[in-house]
Amino acid sequence: MLKYLIKQSKPLLLSASFVSVLHGMGSVYLLAQISAALTTAHFDRGEAALTFAATALCVMFGYMIGAILFERLGQRAQSDLRSFIAQRVIAADYQQLEQLGAARVQSALSEHCTRVAEFFVSFPVILTNAIIVAGCLLYLAFLSWQVFLLAILVIGFGSLGYHLAHLRAIRHLDIAAKEQDNLFAYFRSLTDGAKELRLNRDKRSAFYDGVLKQSIEKVRKERTFGMSIFVASASWGNFLIYAFIGMVLFLLVGDVPERTLIMTGYALVFVYMVGPLEALLLNIPRANLAQVSARRIEEITRAMSSSESQTNKTELPPLQSIMLQGVLHRYYHEQKDEIFTLGPIDLQFHPGEITFLIGGNGSGKTTLAKLLVGLYPPEEGKIMLNNVAVDDTNRDDYRQFFTTIFSDFHLFDRLLETNHGNDLDKEGNRLLAKLHLQNKVKVENGAFTTLTLSQGQRKRLALVVAYLENRPFLVFDEWAADQDPAFKEIFYYELLPELRAKGKAILVISHDDRYFHLADRLLRMENGRLTFEPMKSPDAKGNTAATTLITANGIV
């Protein structure tokens, strides 16, 4: 993932790195000028002052330009990463997204992206200070090869300890990164389950103390322990530097002529090198955190592969028929704790036809709807659209025939339909008035003025969106479950017949048995098996009696 980002911003990265290298070299040159001024008896102070001033200005501008370039690079990296993840989510198979979970995707889009971006912001610090430390070592080699060899020995010893600490710290940071995915799910539960938590004090306490707080603490402990190891290893590095200074000043440099000047030069280089070395050791953990986050993003995006061909086809042929032939799907059934088999299903749909699907909870109704609309590919059997088989090459085109309102539907804050041109606001507000929502919400500049509505009102708002999409096949999954009786009457007696009159194919998943007689056919789902129910018509009291039998071959 880091290689991908570097490749995406290679010119900017090279420019920023070049400026940072110049800044580091300039800093070392400043140190050399200061050392020369302190240890050299005779030199041209005027010329040295001009050189020093010019170098200091170059160092200042180099730091400024490098920091700005790397800040831009960090923001671009974060933007590119979020766009990359969002595109993978949009293109991923729906079933894979269900298995992956929203919390992991949100974690990748927020904190993991931020961690990777922070690496690019800290990169100039790492690069510049690495140049300064290397330059100081070369300056030491120029002054004394014995001192240089001792410095290499100490740094090698320190690097070994830092590497061992690094391996231990990364393990804890990995654990923290994985637990954070769970933590994001718990954060979502704070708002999604707000009603349940407010109504039940014991549940509220158990969730906070036994779940949320423990997850927060685990992330804190693991991350703190991992970063503490890095800090301890940095302190170990500082100790070695000061031990190195002591050995040079008190052991290697004996009673030699001009000992004071030599010690002053060495001490200046050593003390100057401590700051960059400390900054280097403290910023390297950011690179390690970025590496952990990049690895998590890679794991998440790899789990979001797509087996389907993506096309931009906009014009679809008229809907003539949809047939499910021997369609079978298996999945884990939580209530029964077993692998549940749906099907085999043989079924046909035609325009201008209302089909009701009934059955108990967990019988497979919603799963059948997801198979029908192409969110799940069938494991066996096939789906035929206008007598053409649906497969990975055309499944995305097939889905464009459907508008759905599932029980767990999502409302966007704006209308994303583009087939109404400038009349989108007018048409949207007309439909809002039809569904008695005109006093609650309006459409302005293609966006809803509010989404803070009751569940029943939100479903009516979703119905407005479904109307505007104007697709040939509509699927309603328990749409009327949250509506009061007046709107149930409107939905079943006005909206459904109106859609049928427009030639729409309609599938309604419902438990409202008093409206079953309005369907053209009635299907029942039990334990993953589909049966055809006899149609009933209402008597004067609203009760129903069997009048027609629907079979797989038609009406009898």
Protein backbone atom coordinates (compact mmCIF):
# COMPACT_ATOMS: atom_id res chain seq x y z
CA MET A 1 0.00 0.00 0.00
CA LEU A 2 2.85 2.40 0.80
CA LYS A 3 4.49 1.49 -2.52
CA TYR A 4 1.21 2.25 -4.28
CA LEU A 5 1.00 5.70 -2.66
CA ILE A 6 4.63 6.47 -3.39
CA LYS A 7 4.07 5.53 -7.03
CA GLN A 8 0.98 7.75 -7.17
CA SER A 9 2.92 10.82 -5.94
CA LYS A 10 6.42 10.07 -7.18
CA PRO A 11 7.32 13.53 -8.61
CA LEU A 12 6.11 15.35 -5.49
CA LEU A 13 7.82 12.83 -3.21
CA LEU A 14 11.13 13.13 -5.07
CA SER A 15 10.97 16.95 -4.97
CA ALA A 16 10.17 17.03 -1.26
CA SER A 17 12.86 14.44 -0.50
CA PHE A 18 15.46 16.40 -2.48
CA VAL A 19 14.65 19.57 -0.55
CA SER A 20 14.85 17.68 2.76
CA VAL A 21 18.23 16.22 1.81
CA LEU A 22 19.53 19.70 1.02
CA HIS A 23 18.16 20.90 4.35
CA GLY A 24 19.99 18.10 6.19
CA MET A 25 23.24 18.75 4.34
CA GLY A 26 22.92 22.46 5.04
CA SER A 27 22.43 21.75 8.75
CA VAL A 28 25.60 19.65 8.83
CA TYR A 29 27.47 22.39 6.99
CA LEU A 30 26.25 24.91 9.59
CA LEU A 31 27.61 22.62 12.30
CA ALA A 32 30.96 22.43 10.52
CA GLN A 33 31.11 26.26 10.33
CA ILE A 34 30.30 26.56 14.05
CA SER A 35 32.93 23.95 14.91
CA ALA A 36 35.52 25.72 12.76
CA ALA A 37 34.73 29.07 14.40
CA LEU A 38 35.22 27.53 17.86
CA THR A 39 38.34 25.48 17.14
CA THR A 40 40.25 27.50 14.52
CA ALA A 41 42.50 30.27 15.77
CA HIS A 42 42.82 32.27 12.56
CA PHE A 43 40.03 32.73 9.99
CA ASP A 44 38.26 35.53 8.11
CA ARG A 45 35.33 36.40 10.36
CA GLY A 46 33.60 38.62 7.78
CA GLU A 47 33.59 35.99 5.07
CA ALA A 48 32.65 33.28 7.57
CA ALA A 49 29.73 35.38 8.84
CA LEU A 50 28.33 35.87 5.31
CA THR A 51 28.71 32.17 4.54
CA PHE A 52 27.00 31.27 7.82
CA ALA A 53 24.11 33.68 7.20
CA ALA A 54 23.58 32.40 3.65
CA THR A 55 23.66 28.78 4.82
CA ALA A 56 21.23 29.52 7.67
CA LEU A 57 18.76 31.12 5.23
CA CYS A 58 19.03 28.16 2.88
CA VAL A 59 18.44 25.77 5.78
CA MET A 60 15.38 27.77 6.89
CA PHE A 61 13.83 27.87 3.41
CA GLY A 62 14.74 24.21 2.82
CA TYR A 63 12.91 23.18 5.98
CA MET A 64 9.91 25.36 5.12
CA ILE A 65 9.59 24.15 1.53
CA GLY A 66 10.18 20.50 2.46
CA ALA A 67 7.60 20.59 5.28
CA ILE A 68 4.99 22.22 3.00
CA LEU A 69 5.61 19.72 0.21
CA PHE A 70 5.35 16.78 2.59
CA GLU A 71 2.19 18.20 4.17
CA ARG A 72 0.64 18.36 0.71
CA LEU A 73 1.91 14.85 0.07
CA GLY A 74 0.31 13.60 3.30
CA GLN A 75 -3.07 15.15 2.47
CA ARG A 76 -2.90 13.77 -1.07
CA ALA A 77 -2.01 10.33 0.28
CA GLN A 78 -4.99 10.40 2.63
CA SER A 79 -7.26 11.56 -0.20
CA ASP A 80 -5.95 8.91 -2.59
CA LEU A 81 -6.32 6.19 0.02
CA ARG A 82 -9.90 7.13 0.86
CA SER A 83 -10.80 7.30 -2.83
CA PHE A 84 -9.12 3.93 -3.41
CA ILE A 85 -11.01 2.28 -0.53
CA ALA A 86 -14.32 3.90 -1.54
CA GLN A 87 -13.93 2.65 -5.11
CA ARG A 88 -13.19 -0.86 -3.86
CA VAL A 89 -16.28 -0.75 -1.62
CA ILE A 90 -18.47 0.42 -4.51
CA ALA A 91 -17.14 -2.30 -6.83
CA ALA A 92 -17.10 -5.12 -4.25
CA ASP A 93 -19.57 -7.98 -4.26
CA TYR A 94 -22.38 -7.24 -1.80
CA GLN A 95 -22.01 -10.59 -0.06
CA GLN A 96 -18.35 -9.87 0.66
CA LEU A 97 -19.25 -6.50 2.18
CA GLU A 98 -21.77 -8.19 4.45
CA GLN A 99 -19.11 -10.60 5.68
CA LEU A 100 -16.49 -7.87 6.06
CA GLY A 101 -18.68 -5.58 8.15
CA ALA A 102 -19.11 -1.82 8.12
CA ALA A 103 -16.88 -1.23 11.16
CA ARG A 104 -13.71 -2.48 9.44
CA VAL A 105 -14.38 -0.32 6.39
CA GLN A 106 -15.00 2.76 8.56
CA SER A 107 -11.82 2.05 10.52
CA ALA A 108 -9.84 1.87 7.28
CA LEU A 109 -11.38 5.10 5.96
CA SER A 110 -10.71 7.05 9.15
CA GLU A 111 -7.86 6.11 11.45
CA HIS A 112 -5.81 3.82 9.21
CA CYS A 113 -5.82 6.39 6.39
CA THR A 114 -4.82 9.09 8.86
CA ARG A 115 -1.92 6.97 10.16
CA VAL A 116 -0.58 6.43 6.66
CA ALA A 117 -0.91 10.15 5.91
CA GLU A 118 1.00 10.99 9.13
CA PHE A 119 3.89 8.90 7.84
CA PHE A 120 4.30 11.24 4.89
CA VAL A 121 4.15 14.26 7.20
CA SER A 122 6.84 12.76 9.46
CA PHE A 123 8.94 11.52 6.54
CA PRO A 124 10.87 14.84 6.13
CA VAL A 125 11.76 14.71 9.84
CA ILE A 126 13.07 11.18 9.42
CA LEU A 127 14.90 11.97 6.18
CA THR A 128 16.40 15.28 7.34
CA ASN A 129 17.58 13.93 10.69
CA ALA A 130 18.99 10.82 9.06
CA ILE A 131 21.05 13.09 6.78
CA ILE A 132 22.20 15.14 9.78
CA VAL A 133 23.24 12.05 11.76
CA ALA A 134 25.04 10.61 8.74
CA GLY A 135 26.72 13.96 8.09
CA CYS A 136 27.86 14.20 11.69
CA LEU A 137 29.36 10.72 11.47
CA LEU A 138 31.22 11.67 8.28
CA TYR A 139 32.49 14.82 9.98
CA LEU A 140 33.72 12.67 12.85
CA ALA A 141 35.49 10.41 10.34
CA PHE A 142 37.15 13.55 8.94
CA LEU A 143 38.30 14.54 12.42
CA SER A 144 39.36 11.08 13.65
CA TRP A 145 38.90 7.60 12.17
CA GLN A 146 39.19 6.02 15.66
CA VAL A 147 36.26 8.09 16.89
CA PHE A 148 34.31 7.23 13.74
CA LEU A 149 34.82 3.48 14.23
CA LEU A 150 33.67 3.76 17.85
CA ALA A 151 30.59 5.68 16.70
CA ILE A 152 29.75 2.97 14.14
CA LEU A 153 30.14 0.29 16.83
CA VAL A 154 27.86 2.11 19.27
CA ILE A 155 25.22 2.84 16.61
CA GLY A 156 25.29 -0.77 15.43
CA PHE A 157 24.81 -2.00 18.99
CA GLY A 158 21.99 0.47 19.52
CA SER A 159 20.34 -0.46 16.23
CA LEU A 160 20.29 -4.14 17.19
CA GLY A 161 18.48 -3.34 20.43
CA TYR A 162 16.11 -1.02 18.61
CA HIS A 163 15.31 -3.69 16.02
CA LEU A 164 14.47 -6.27 18.69
CA ALA A 165 12.28 -3.72 20.45
CA HIS A 166 10.68 -2.84 17.13
CA LEU A 167 9.57 -6.44 16.54
CA ARG A 168 7.98 -6.60 20.00
CA ALA A 169 6.26 -3.23 19.62
CA ILE A 170 4.77 -4.05 16.21
CA ARG A 171 3.01 -7.10 17.66
CA HIS A 172 1.22 -4.92 20.20
CA LEU A 173 0.35 -2.28 17.58
CA ASP A 174 -1.12 -5.01 15.36
CA ILE A 175 -3.33 -6.21 18.22
CA ALA A 176 -4.47 -2.63 18.84
CA ALA A 177 -5.27 -2.13 15.15
CA LYS A 178 -7.41 -5.29 15.03
CA GLU A 179 -9.26 -4.42 18.23
CA GLN A 180 -9.95 -0.96 16.87
CA ASP A 181 -12.11 -2.51 14.14
CA ASN A 182 -14.31 -3.91 16.93
CA LEU A 183 -14.25 -0.57 18.70
CA PHE A 184 -15.69 1.20 15.65
CA ALA A 185 -18.59 -1.27 15.67
CA TYR A 186 -19.22 -0.49 19.35
CA PHE A 187 -19.14 3.24 18.62
CA ARG A 188 -21.84 2.69 16.03
CA SER A 189 -23.90 0.80 18.60
CA LEU A 190 -23.83 3.90 20.82
CA THR A 191 -26.07 5.73 18.36
CA ASP A 192 -27.91 2.88 16.62
CA GLY A 193 -28.85 1.35 19.96
CA ALA A 194 -29.46 4.61 21.83
CA LYS A 195 -33.14 3.83 22.51
CA GLU A 196 -32.42 0.40 23.92
CA LEU A 197 -29.60 1.72 26.10
CA ARG A 198 -31.70 4.55 27.53
CA LEU A 199 -34.58 2.21 28.33
CA ASN A 200 -32.52 -0.41 30.13
CA ARG A 201 -30.08 0.71 32.83
CA ASP A 202 -28.57 -2.76 33.28
CA LYS A 203 -28.03 -3.15 29.56
CA ARG A 204 -26.49 0.33 29.42
CA SER A 205 -24.06 -0.45 32.24
CA ALA A 206 -23.20 -3.87 30.86
CA PHE A 207 -22.53 -2.44 27.40
CA TYR A 208 -20.31 0.36 28.69
CA ASP A 209 -18.44 -1.52 31.42
CA GLY A 210 -18.30 -4.97 29.87
CA VAL A 211 -17.92 -4.16 26.17
CA LEU A 212 -17.14 -0.59 25.16
CA LYS A 213 -14.82 0.35 28.03
CA GLN A 214 -12.90 -2.92 27.79
CA SER A 215 -12.37 -2.42 24.06
CA ILE A 216 -11.22 1.18 24.60
CA GLU A 217 -8.86 0.02 27.32
CA LYS A 218 -7.46 -2.81 25.20
CA VAL A 219 -6.66 -0.40 22.35
CA ARG A 220 -5.12 2.05 24.82
CA LYS A 221 -3.04 -0.57 26.65
CA GLU A 222 -1.72 -2.30 23.53
CA ARG A 223 -0.93 0.94 21.74
CA THR A 224 0.59 2.52 24.85
CA PHE A 225 2.74 -0.56 25.48
CA GLY A 226 3.90 -0.66 21.88
CA MET A 227 4.76 3.05 21.80
CA SER A 228 6.39 2.81 25.23
CA ILE A 229 8.75 0.17 23.85
CA PHE A 230 9.71 2.60 21.09
CA VAL A 231 10.29 5.39 23.63
CA ALA A 232 12.38 3.06 25.80
CA SER A 233 14.47 2.03 22.81
CA ALA A 234 14.96 5.72 21.92
CA SER A 235 16.13 6.39 25.48
CA TRP A 236 18.51 3.45 25.18
CA GLY A 237 19.88 5.05 22.02
CA ASN A 238 20.37 8.38 23.82
CA PHE A 239 22.19 6.64 26.65
CA LEU A 240 24.56 5.00 24.18
CA ILE A 241 25.27 8.39 22.59
CA TYR A 242 26.19 9.95 25.92
CA ALA A 243 28.24 6.87 26.81
CA PHE A 244 29.97 7.32 23.48
CA ILE A 245 30.67 10.98 24.26
CA GLY A 246 32.15 9.97 27.63
CA MET A 247 34.42 7.34 26.13
CA VAL A 248 35.70 9.73 23.47
CA LEU A 249 36.28 12.67 25.79
CA PHE A 250 37.75 10.78 28.69
CA LEU A 251 39.37 7.72 27.11
CA LEU A 252 40.26 8.32 23.44
CA VAL A 253 41.31 11.96 23.82
CA GLY A 254 44.25 11.99 26.23
CA ASP A 255 46.71 14.71 27.13
CA VAL A 256 47.31 15.97 23.60
CA PRO A 257 48.13 19.49 22.45
CA GLU A 258 45.06 21.71 22.08
CA ARG A 259 42.98 19.11 23.91
CA THR A 260 40.39 21.74 24.83
CA LEU A 261 39.78 22.69 21.20
CA ILE A 262 39.54 19.03 20.14
CA MET A 263 37.13 18.22 22.96
CA THR A 264 35.07 21.30 22.13
CA GLY A 265 34.76 20.20 18.49
CA TYR A 266 33.84 16.63 19.37
CA ALA A 267 31.40 17.66 22.11
CA LEU A 268 29.70 20.11 19.75
CA VAL A 269 29.19 17.42 17.11
CA PHE A 270 27.97 14.90 19.69
CA VAL A 271 25.53 17.26 21.41
CA TYR A 272 24.23 18.50 18.07
CA MET A 273 23.73 14.93 16.89
CA VAL A 274 21.69 13.93 19.96
CA GLY A 275 18.68 16.06 18.97
CA PRO A 276 18.37 14.73 15.39
CA LEU A 277 19.02 11.18 16.57
CA GLU A 278 16.31 11.47 19.22
CA ALA A 279 13.89 12.93 16.66
CA LEU A 280 14.80 10.12 14.28
CA LEU A 281 14.16 7.42 16.88
CA LEU A 282 10.84 8.98 17.97
CA ASN A 283 9.52 9.46 14.44
CA ILE A 284 10.42 6.02 13.17
CA PRO A 285 7.49 4.58 15.21
CA ARG A 286 5.17 6.70 13.08
CA ALA A 287 6.51 4.91 10.06
CA ASN A 288 5.88 1.62 11.84
CA LEU A 289 2.32 2.66 12.70
CA ALA A 290 1.82 3.61 9.06
CA GLN A 291 3.12 0.21 8.05
CA VAL A 292 0.62 -1.50 10.39
CA SER A 293 -2.24 0.67 9.09
CA ALA A 294 -1.24 0.14 5.47
CA ARG A 295 -1.22 -3.61 6.09
CA ARG A 296 -4.71 -3.42 7.62
CA ILE A 297 -5.98 -1.41 4.63
CA GLU A 298 -4.46 -3.99 2.30
CA GLU A 299 -6.15 -6.85 4.16
CA ILE A 300 -9.51 -5.09 4.05
CA THR A 301 -9.34 -4.10 0.38
CA ARG A 302 -8.15 -7.56 -0.66
CA ALA A 303 -11.31 -8.94 0.96
CA MET A 304 -13.38 -6.72 -1.31
CA SER A 305 -12.76 -8.31 -4.66
CA SER A 306 -15.32 -8.24 -7.45
CA SER A 307 -16.05 -11.10 -9.82
CA GLU A 308 -18.29 -9.00 -12.05
CA SER A 309 -17.59 -6.95 -15.14
CA GLN A 310 -18.15 -3.22 -14.62
CA THR A 311 -19.83 -1.32 -17.45
CA ASN A 312 -21.22 2.17 -17.97
CA LYS A 313 -24.16 1.01 -20.04
CA THR A 314 -27.06 3.44 -19.56
CA GLU A 315 -29.80 2.26 -21.94
CA LEU A 316 -31.51 -0.96 -20.92
CA PRO A 317 -33.92 -3.02 -23.03
CA PRO A 318 -37.60 -3.19 -21.99
CA LEU A 319 -38.37 -5.77 -19.34
CA GLN A 320 -40.19 -8.76 -20.80
CA SER A 321 -39.64 -11.47 -18.22
CA ILE A 322 -37.40 -12.65 -15.39
CA MET A 323 -37.14 -16.37 -14.68
CA LEU A 324 -35.45 -18.19 -11.81
CA GLN A 325 -34.60 -21.72 -12.89
CA GLY A 326 -33.46 -24.12 -10.18
CA VAL A 327 -31.91 -21.26 -8.18
CA LEU A 328 -30.31 -22.47 -4.95
CA HIS A 329 -28.42 -20.60 -2.23
CA ARG A 330 -26.88 -21.74 1.06
CA TYR A 331 -25.97 -19.65 4.08
CA TYR A 332 -25.49 -19.92 7.84
CA HIS A 333 -28.82 -19.64 9.68
CA GLU A 334 -28.23 -18.15 13.14
CA GLN A 335 -31.60 -19.14 14.62
CA LYS A 336 -31.17 -22.80 13.67
CA ASP A 337 -27.36 -22.83 14.01
CA GLU A 338 -26.96 -24.71 10.75
CA ILE A 339 -26.35 -24.22 7.05
CA PHE A 340 -29.68 -23.14 5.57
CA THR A 341 -30.58 -24.11 2.01
CA LEU A 342 -32.86 -21.84 0.02
CA GLY A 343 -34.36 -23.49 -3.03
CA PRO A 344 -34.28 -24.81 -5.57
CA ILE A 345 -36.58 -22.01 -6.77
CA ASP A 346 -38.45 -21.96 -10.09
CA LEU A 347 -40.28 -18.69 -10.59
CA GLN A 348 -41.30 -16.19 -13.27
CA PHE A 349 -42.04 -12.46 -13.17
CA HIS A 350 -43.66 -10.29 -15.85
CA PRO A 351 -44.37 -6.55 -16.19
CA GLY A 352 -47.72 -5.32 -14.86
CA GLU A 353 -47.87 -8.04 -12.22
CA ILE A 354 -48.09 -7.75 -8.41
CA THR A 355 -46.63 -10.67 -6.47
CA PHE A 356 -46.95 -11.02 -2.69
CA LEU A 357 -44.34 -13.10 -0.84
CA ILE A 358 -45.31 -14.28 2.63
CA GLY A 359 -43.77 -16.51 5.26
CA GLY A 360 -42.43 -16.60 8.79
CA ASN A 361 -39.32 -14.85 10.07
CA GLY A 362 -36.17 -16.64 8.96
CA SER A 363 -37.94 -18.53 6.20
CA GLY A 364 -35.69 -16.98 3.50
CA LYS A 365 -37.92 -14.23 2.04
CA THR A 366 -35.34 -11.44 2.12
CA THR A 367 -32.61 -13.78 0.89
CA LEU A 368 -34.80 -14.71 -2.07
CA ALA A 369 -35.30 -11.00 -2.78
CA LYS A 370 -31.52 -10.43 -2.72
CA LEU A 371 -31.07 -13.33 -5.12
CA LEU A 372 -33.78 -11.94 -7.39
CA VAL A 373 -32.28 -8.45 -7.62
CA GLY A 374 -28.74 -9.75 -8.19
CA LEU A 375 -27.14 -8.89 -4.85
CA TYR A 376 -26.36 -12.58 -4.33
CA PRO A 377 -25.31 -14.80 -7.25
CA PRO A 378 -27.04 -18.19 -7.18
CA GLU A 379 -24.83 -21.12 -6.20
CA GLU A 380 -26.84 -23.42 -8.45
CA GLY A 381 -29.37 -22.76 -11.18
CA LYS A 382 -29.62 -19.58 -13.20
CA ILE A 383 -31.58 -16.38 -13.61
CA MET A 384 -32.87 -15.47 -17.07
CA LEU A 385 -33.56 -11.88 -18.11
CA ASN A 386 -35.60 -11.68 -21.31
CA ASN A 387 -34.48 -15.30 -21.98
CA VAL A 388 -30.80 -14.34 -21.61
CA ALA A 389 -28.79 -15.92 -18.76
CA VAL A 390 -27.48 -13.55 -16.08
CA ASP A 391 -23.81 -14.13 -15.16
CA ASP A 392 -20.77 -12.17 -13.98
CA THR A 393 -20.51 -10.34 -17.31
CA ASN A 394 -23.97 -8.78 -17.18
CA ARG A 395 -25.14 -9.00 -13.56
CA ASP A 396 -24.48 -5.32 -12.90
CA ASP A 397 -26.63 -4.42 -15.93
CA TYR A 398 -29.29 -6.81 -14.63
CA ARG A 399 -29.43 -5.03 -11.27
CA GLN A 400 -30.28 -1.76 -13.01
CA PHE A 401 -33.80 -3.09 -13.64
CA PHE A 402 -34.60 -3.02 -9.91
CA THR A 403 -35.57 -0.50 -7.27
CA THR A 404 -35.67 -1.94 -3.77
CA ILE A 405 -36.70 -0.83 -0.30
CA PHE A 406 -35.35 -3.44 2.09
CA SER A 407 -36.23 -3.42 5.78
CA ASP A 408 -32.69 -2.15 6.54
CA PHE A 409 -32.76 0.46 3.78
CA HIS A 410 -30.47 3.49 3.72
CA LEU A 411 -31.52 7.04 2.85
CA PHE A 412 -29.02 9.36 1.21
CA ASP A 413 -29.36 13.02 2.08
CA ARG A 414 -29.82 13.98 -1.56
CA LEU A 415 -31.51 12.66 -4.67
CA LEU A 416 -28.92 10.95 -6.84
CA GLU A 417 -31.26 10.32 -9.77
CA THR A 418 -30.14 12.02 -12.99
CA ASN A 419 -33.02 11.16 -15.33
CA HIS A 420 -35.25 14.08 -14.32
CA GLY A 421 -33.01 17.00 -15.26
CA ASN A 422 -34.09 20.36 -13.82
CA ASP A 423 -37.52 19.01 -12.77
CA LEU A 424 -36.07 16.88 -9.95
CA ASP A 425 -37.06 19.29 -7.16
CA LYS A 426 -40.55 19.80 -8.58
CA GLU A 427 -41.23 16.10 -9.08
CA GLY A 428 -39.77 15.21 -5.68
CA ASN A 429 -41.93 17.76 -3.85
CA ARG A 430 -45.01 16.56 -5.76
CA LEU A 431 -44.41 13.03 -4.53
CA LEU A 432 -43.76 14.26 -0.99
CA ALA A 433 -47.15 15.95 -1.02
CA LYS A 434 -48.75 12.74 -2.34
CA LEU A 435 -47.33 10.88 0.67
CA HIS A 436 -48.26 13.68 3.13
CA LEU A 437 -44.64 14.61 3.87
CA GLN A 438 -44.71 18.16 2.49
CA ASN A 439 -44.85 19.68 6.01
CA LYS A 440 -41.93 17.57 7.24
CA VAL A 441 -39.35 17.67 4.46
CA LYS A 442 -38.80 19.32 1.08
CA VAL A 443 -36.46 18.82 -1.84
CA GLU A 444 -34.20 21.83 -2.43
CA ASN A 445 -31.44 21.79 -5.04
CA GLY A 446 -31.72 18.02 -5.27
CA ALA A 447 -31.29 17.43 -1.52
CA PHE A 448 -33.69 16.69 1.33
CA THR A 449 -33.97 19.46 3.91
CA THR A 450 -33.93 16.87 6.73
CA LEU A 451 -33.74 13.14 7.38
CA THR A 452 -34.74 13.47 11.04
CA LEU A 453 -38.02 11.61 10.66
CA SER A 454 -39.82 8.64 12.16
CA GLN A 455 -39.20 5.21 10.65
CA GLY A 456 -42.55 5.26 8.89
CA GLN A 457 -41.84 8.70 7.42
CA ARG A 458 -38.38 7.61 6.34
CA LYS A 459 -39.93 4.67 4.51
CA ARG A 460 -42.29 7.04 2.71
CA LEU A 461 -39.29 9.15 1.81
CA ALA A 462 -37.59 6.02 0.45
CA LEU A 463 -40.73 5.40 -1.61
CA VAL A 464 -40.34 8.88 -3.14
CA VAL A 465 -36.81 7.93 -4.19
CA ALA A 466 -38.11 4.63 -5.62
CA TYR A 467 -40.68 6.50 -7.71
CA LEU A 468 -38.03 8.87 -9.06
CA GLU A 469 -35.72 6.00 -10.04
CA ASN A 470 -38.49 4.78 -12.37
CA ARG A 471 -37.12 1.23 -12.71
CA PRO A 472 -39.22 -1.53 -14.30
CA PHE A 473 -39.17 -3.84 -11.23
CA LEU A 474 -39.87 -2.74 -7.63
CA VAL A 475 -39.25 -4.83 -4.50
CA PHE A 476 -40.79 -3.81 -1.17
CA ASP A 477 -39.55 -5.70 1.90
CA GLU A 478 -42.11 -5.14 4.69
CA TRP A 479 -42.56 -1.53 3.56
CA ALA A 480 -45.96 -1.13 5.27
CA ALA A 481 -44.82 -2.62 8.59
CA ASP A 482 -44.13 0.81 10.16
CA GLN A 483 -47.06 2.67 8.57
CA ASP A 484 -50.31 3.62 10.25
CA PRO A 485 -53.53 2.11 8.83
CA ALA A 486 -54.25 5.16 6.66
CA PHE A 487 -50.96 4.88 4.79
CA LYS A 488 -51.29 1.13 4.50
CA GLU A 489 -54.55 1.75 2.67
CA ILE A 490 -52.85 4.26 0.38
CA PHE A 491 -49.95 1.89 -0.32
CA TYR A 492 -52.03 -1.20 -1.08
CA TYR A 493 -55.08 0.37 -2.70
CA GLU A 494 -53.55 3.34 -4.55
CA LEU A 495 -49.78 3.11 -5.02
CA LEU A 496 -49.47 -0.56 -5.97
CA PRO A 497 -52.30 -0.46 -8.57
CA GLU A 498 -50.85 2.77 -9.95
CA LEU A 499 -47.42 1.16 -10.38
CA ARG A 500 -48.99 -1.92 -11.98
CA ALA A 501 -50.90 0.32 -14.40
CA LYS A 502 -47.56 1.80 -15.43
CA GLY A 503 -46.37 -1.68 -16.39
CA LYS A 504 -44.11 -2.24 -13.38
CA ALA A 505 -43.33 -5.69 -12.04
CA ILE A 506 -43.77 -5.64 -8.26
CA LEU A 507 -42.71 -8.00 -5.47
CA VAL A 508 -44.13 -7.21 -2.01
CA ILE A 509 -42.86 -9.06 1.07
CA SER A 510 -45.70 -8.66 3.55
CA HIS A 511 -47.55 -10.01 6.58
CA ASP A 512 -50.69 -7.90 5.99
CA ASP A 513 -53.09 -10.74 5.20
CA ARG A 514 -56.08 -8.42 4.82
CA TYR A 515 -54.53 -7.11 1.57
CA PHE A 516 -53.45 -10.41 0.06
CA HIS A 517 -56.44 -10.42 -2.31
CA LEU A 518 -54.96 -7.40 -4.11
CA ALA A 519 -52.07 -9.47 -5.47
CA ASP A 520 -52.06 -11.17 -8.83
CA ARG A 521 -50.45 -14.15 -7.11
CA LEU A 522 -49.44 -15.15 -3.63
CA LEU A 523 -46.21 -17.02 -2.80
CA ARG A 524 -45.32 -18.59 0.54
CA MET A 525 -41.79 -19.26 1.76
CA GLU A 526 -41.28 -21.94 4.41
CA ASN A 527 -37.87 -23.31 5.44
CA GLY A 528 -36.33 -22.16 2.17
CA ARG A 529 -39.02 -23.82 0.03
CA LEU A 530 -41.43 -21.87 -2.14
CA THR A 531 -45.10 -22.84 -2.45
CA PHE A 532 -47.95 -21.18 -4.32
CA GLU A 533 -50.89 -20.11 -2.18
CA PRO A 534 -54.55 -20.10 -3.29
CA MET A 535 -55.82 -16.56 -3.87
CA LYS A 536 -58.64 -15.24 -1.71
CA SER A 537 -61.15 -12.44 -2.17
CA PRO A 538 -62.66 -10.37 0.64
CA ASP A 539 -66.26 -10.73 1.69
CA ALA A 540 -68.44 -7.92 2.98
CA LYS A 541 -66.84 -8.12 6.42
CA GLY A 542 -63.30 -7.95 5.04
CA ASN A 543 -62.66 -11.67 5.52
CA THR A 544 -61.20 -13.64 2.64
CA ALA A 545 -62.20 -16.83 0.87
CA ALA A 546 -60.31 -18.95 -1.63
CA THR A 547 -61.22 -18.22 -5.25
CA THR A 548 -58.17 -18.86 -7.38
CA LEU A 549 -55.21 -21.22 -7.26
CA ILE A 550 -51.81 -20.14 -8.53
CA THR A 551 -49.53 -22.89 -9.71
CA ALA A 552 -46.05 -22.92 -11.19
CA ASN A 553 -47.62 -23.17 -14.65
CA GLY A 554 -50.09 -20.32 -14.27
CA ILE A 555 -53.57 -19.55 -12.94
CA VAL A 556 -56.07 -22.34 -12.41
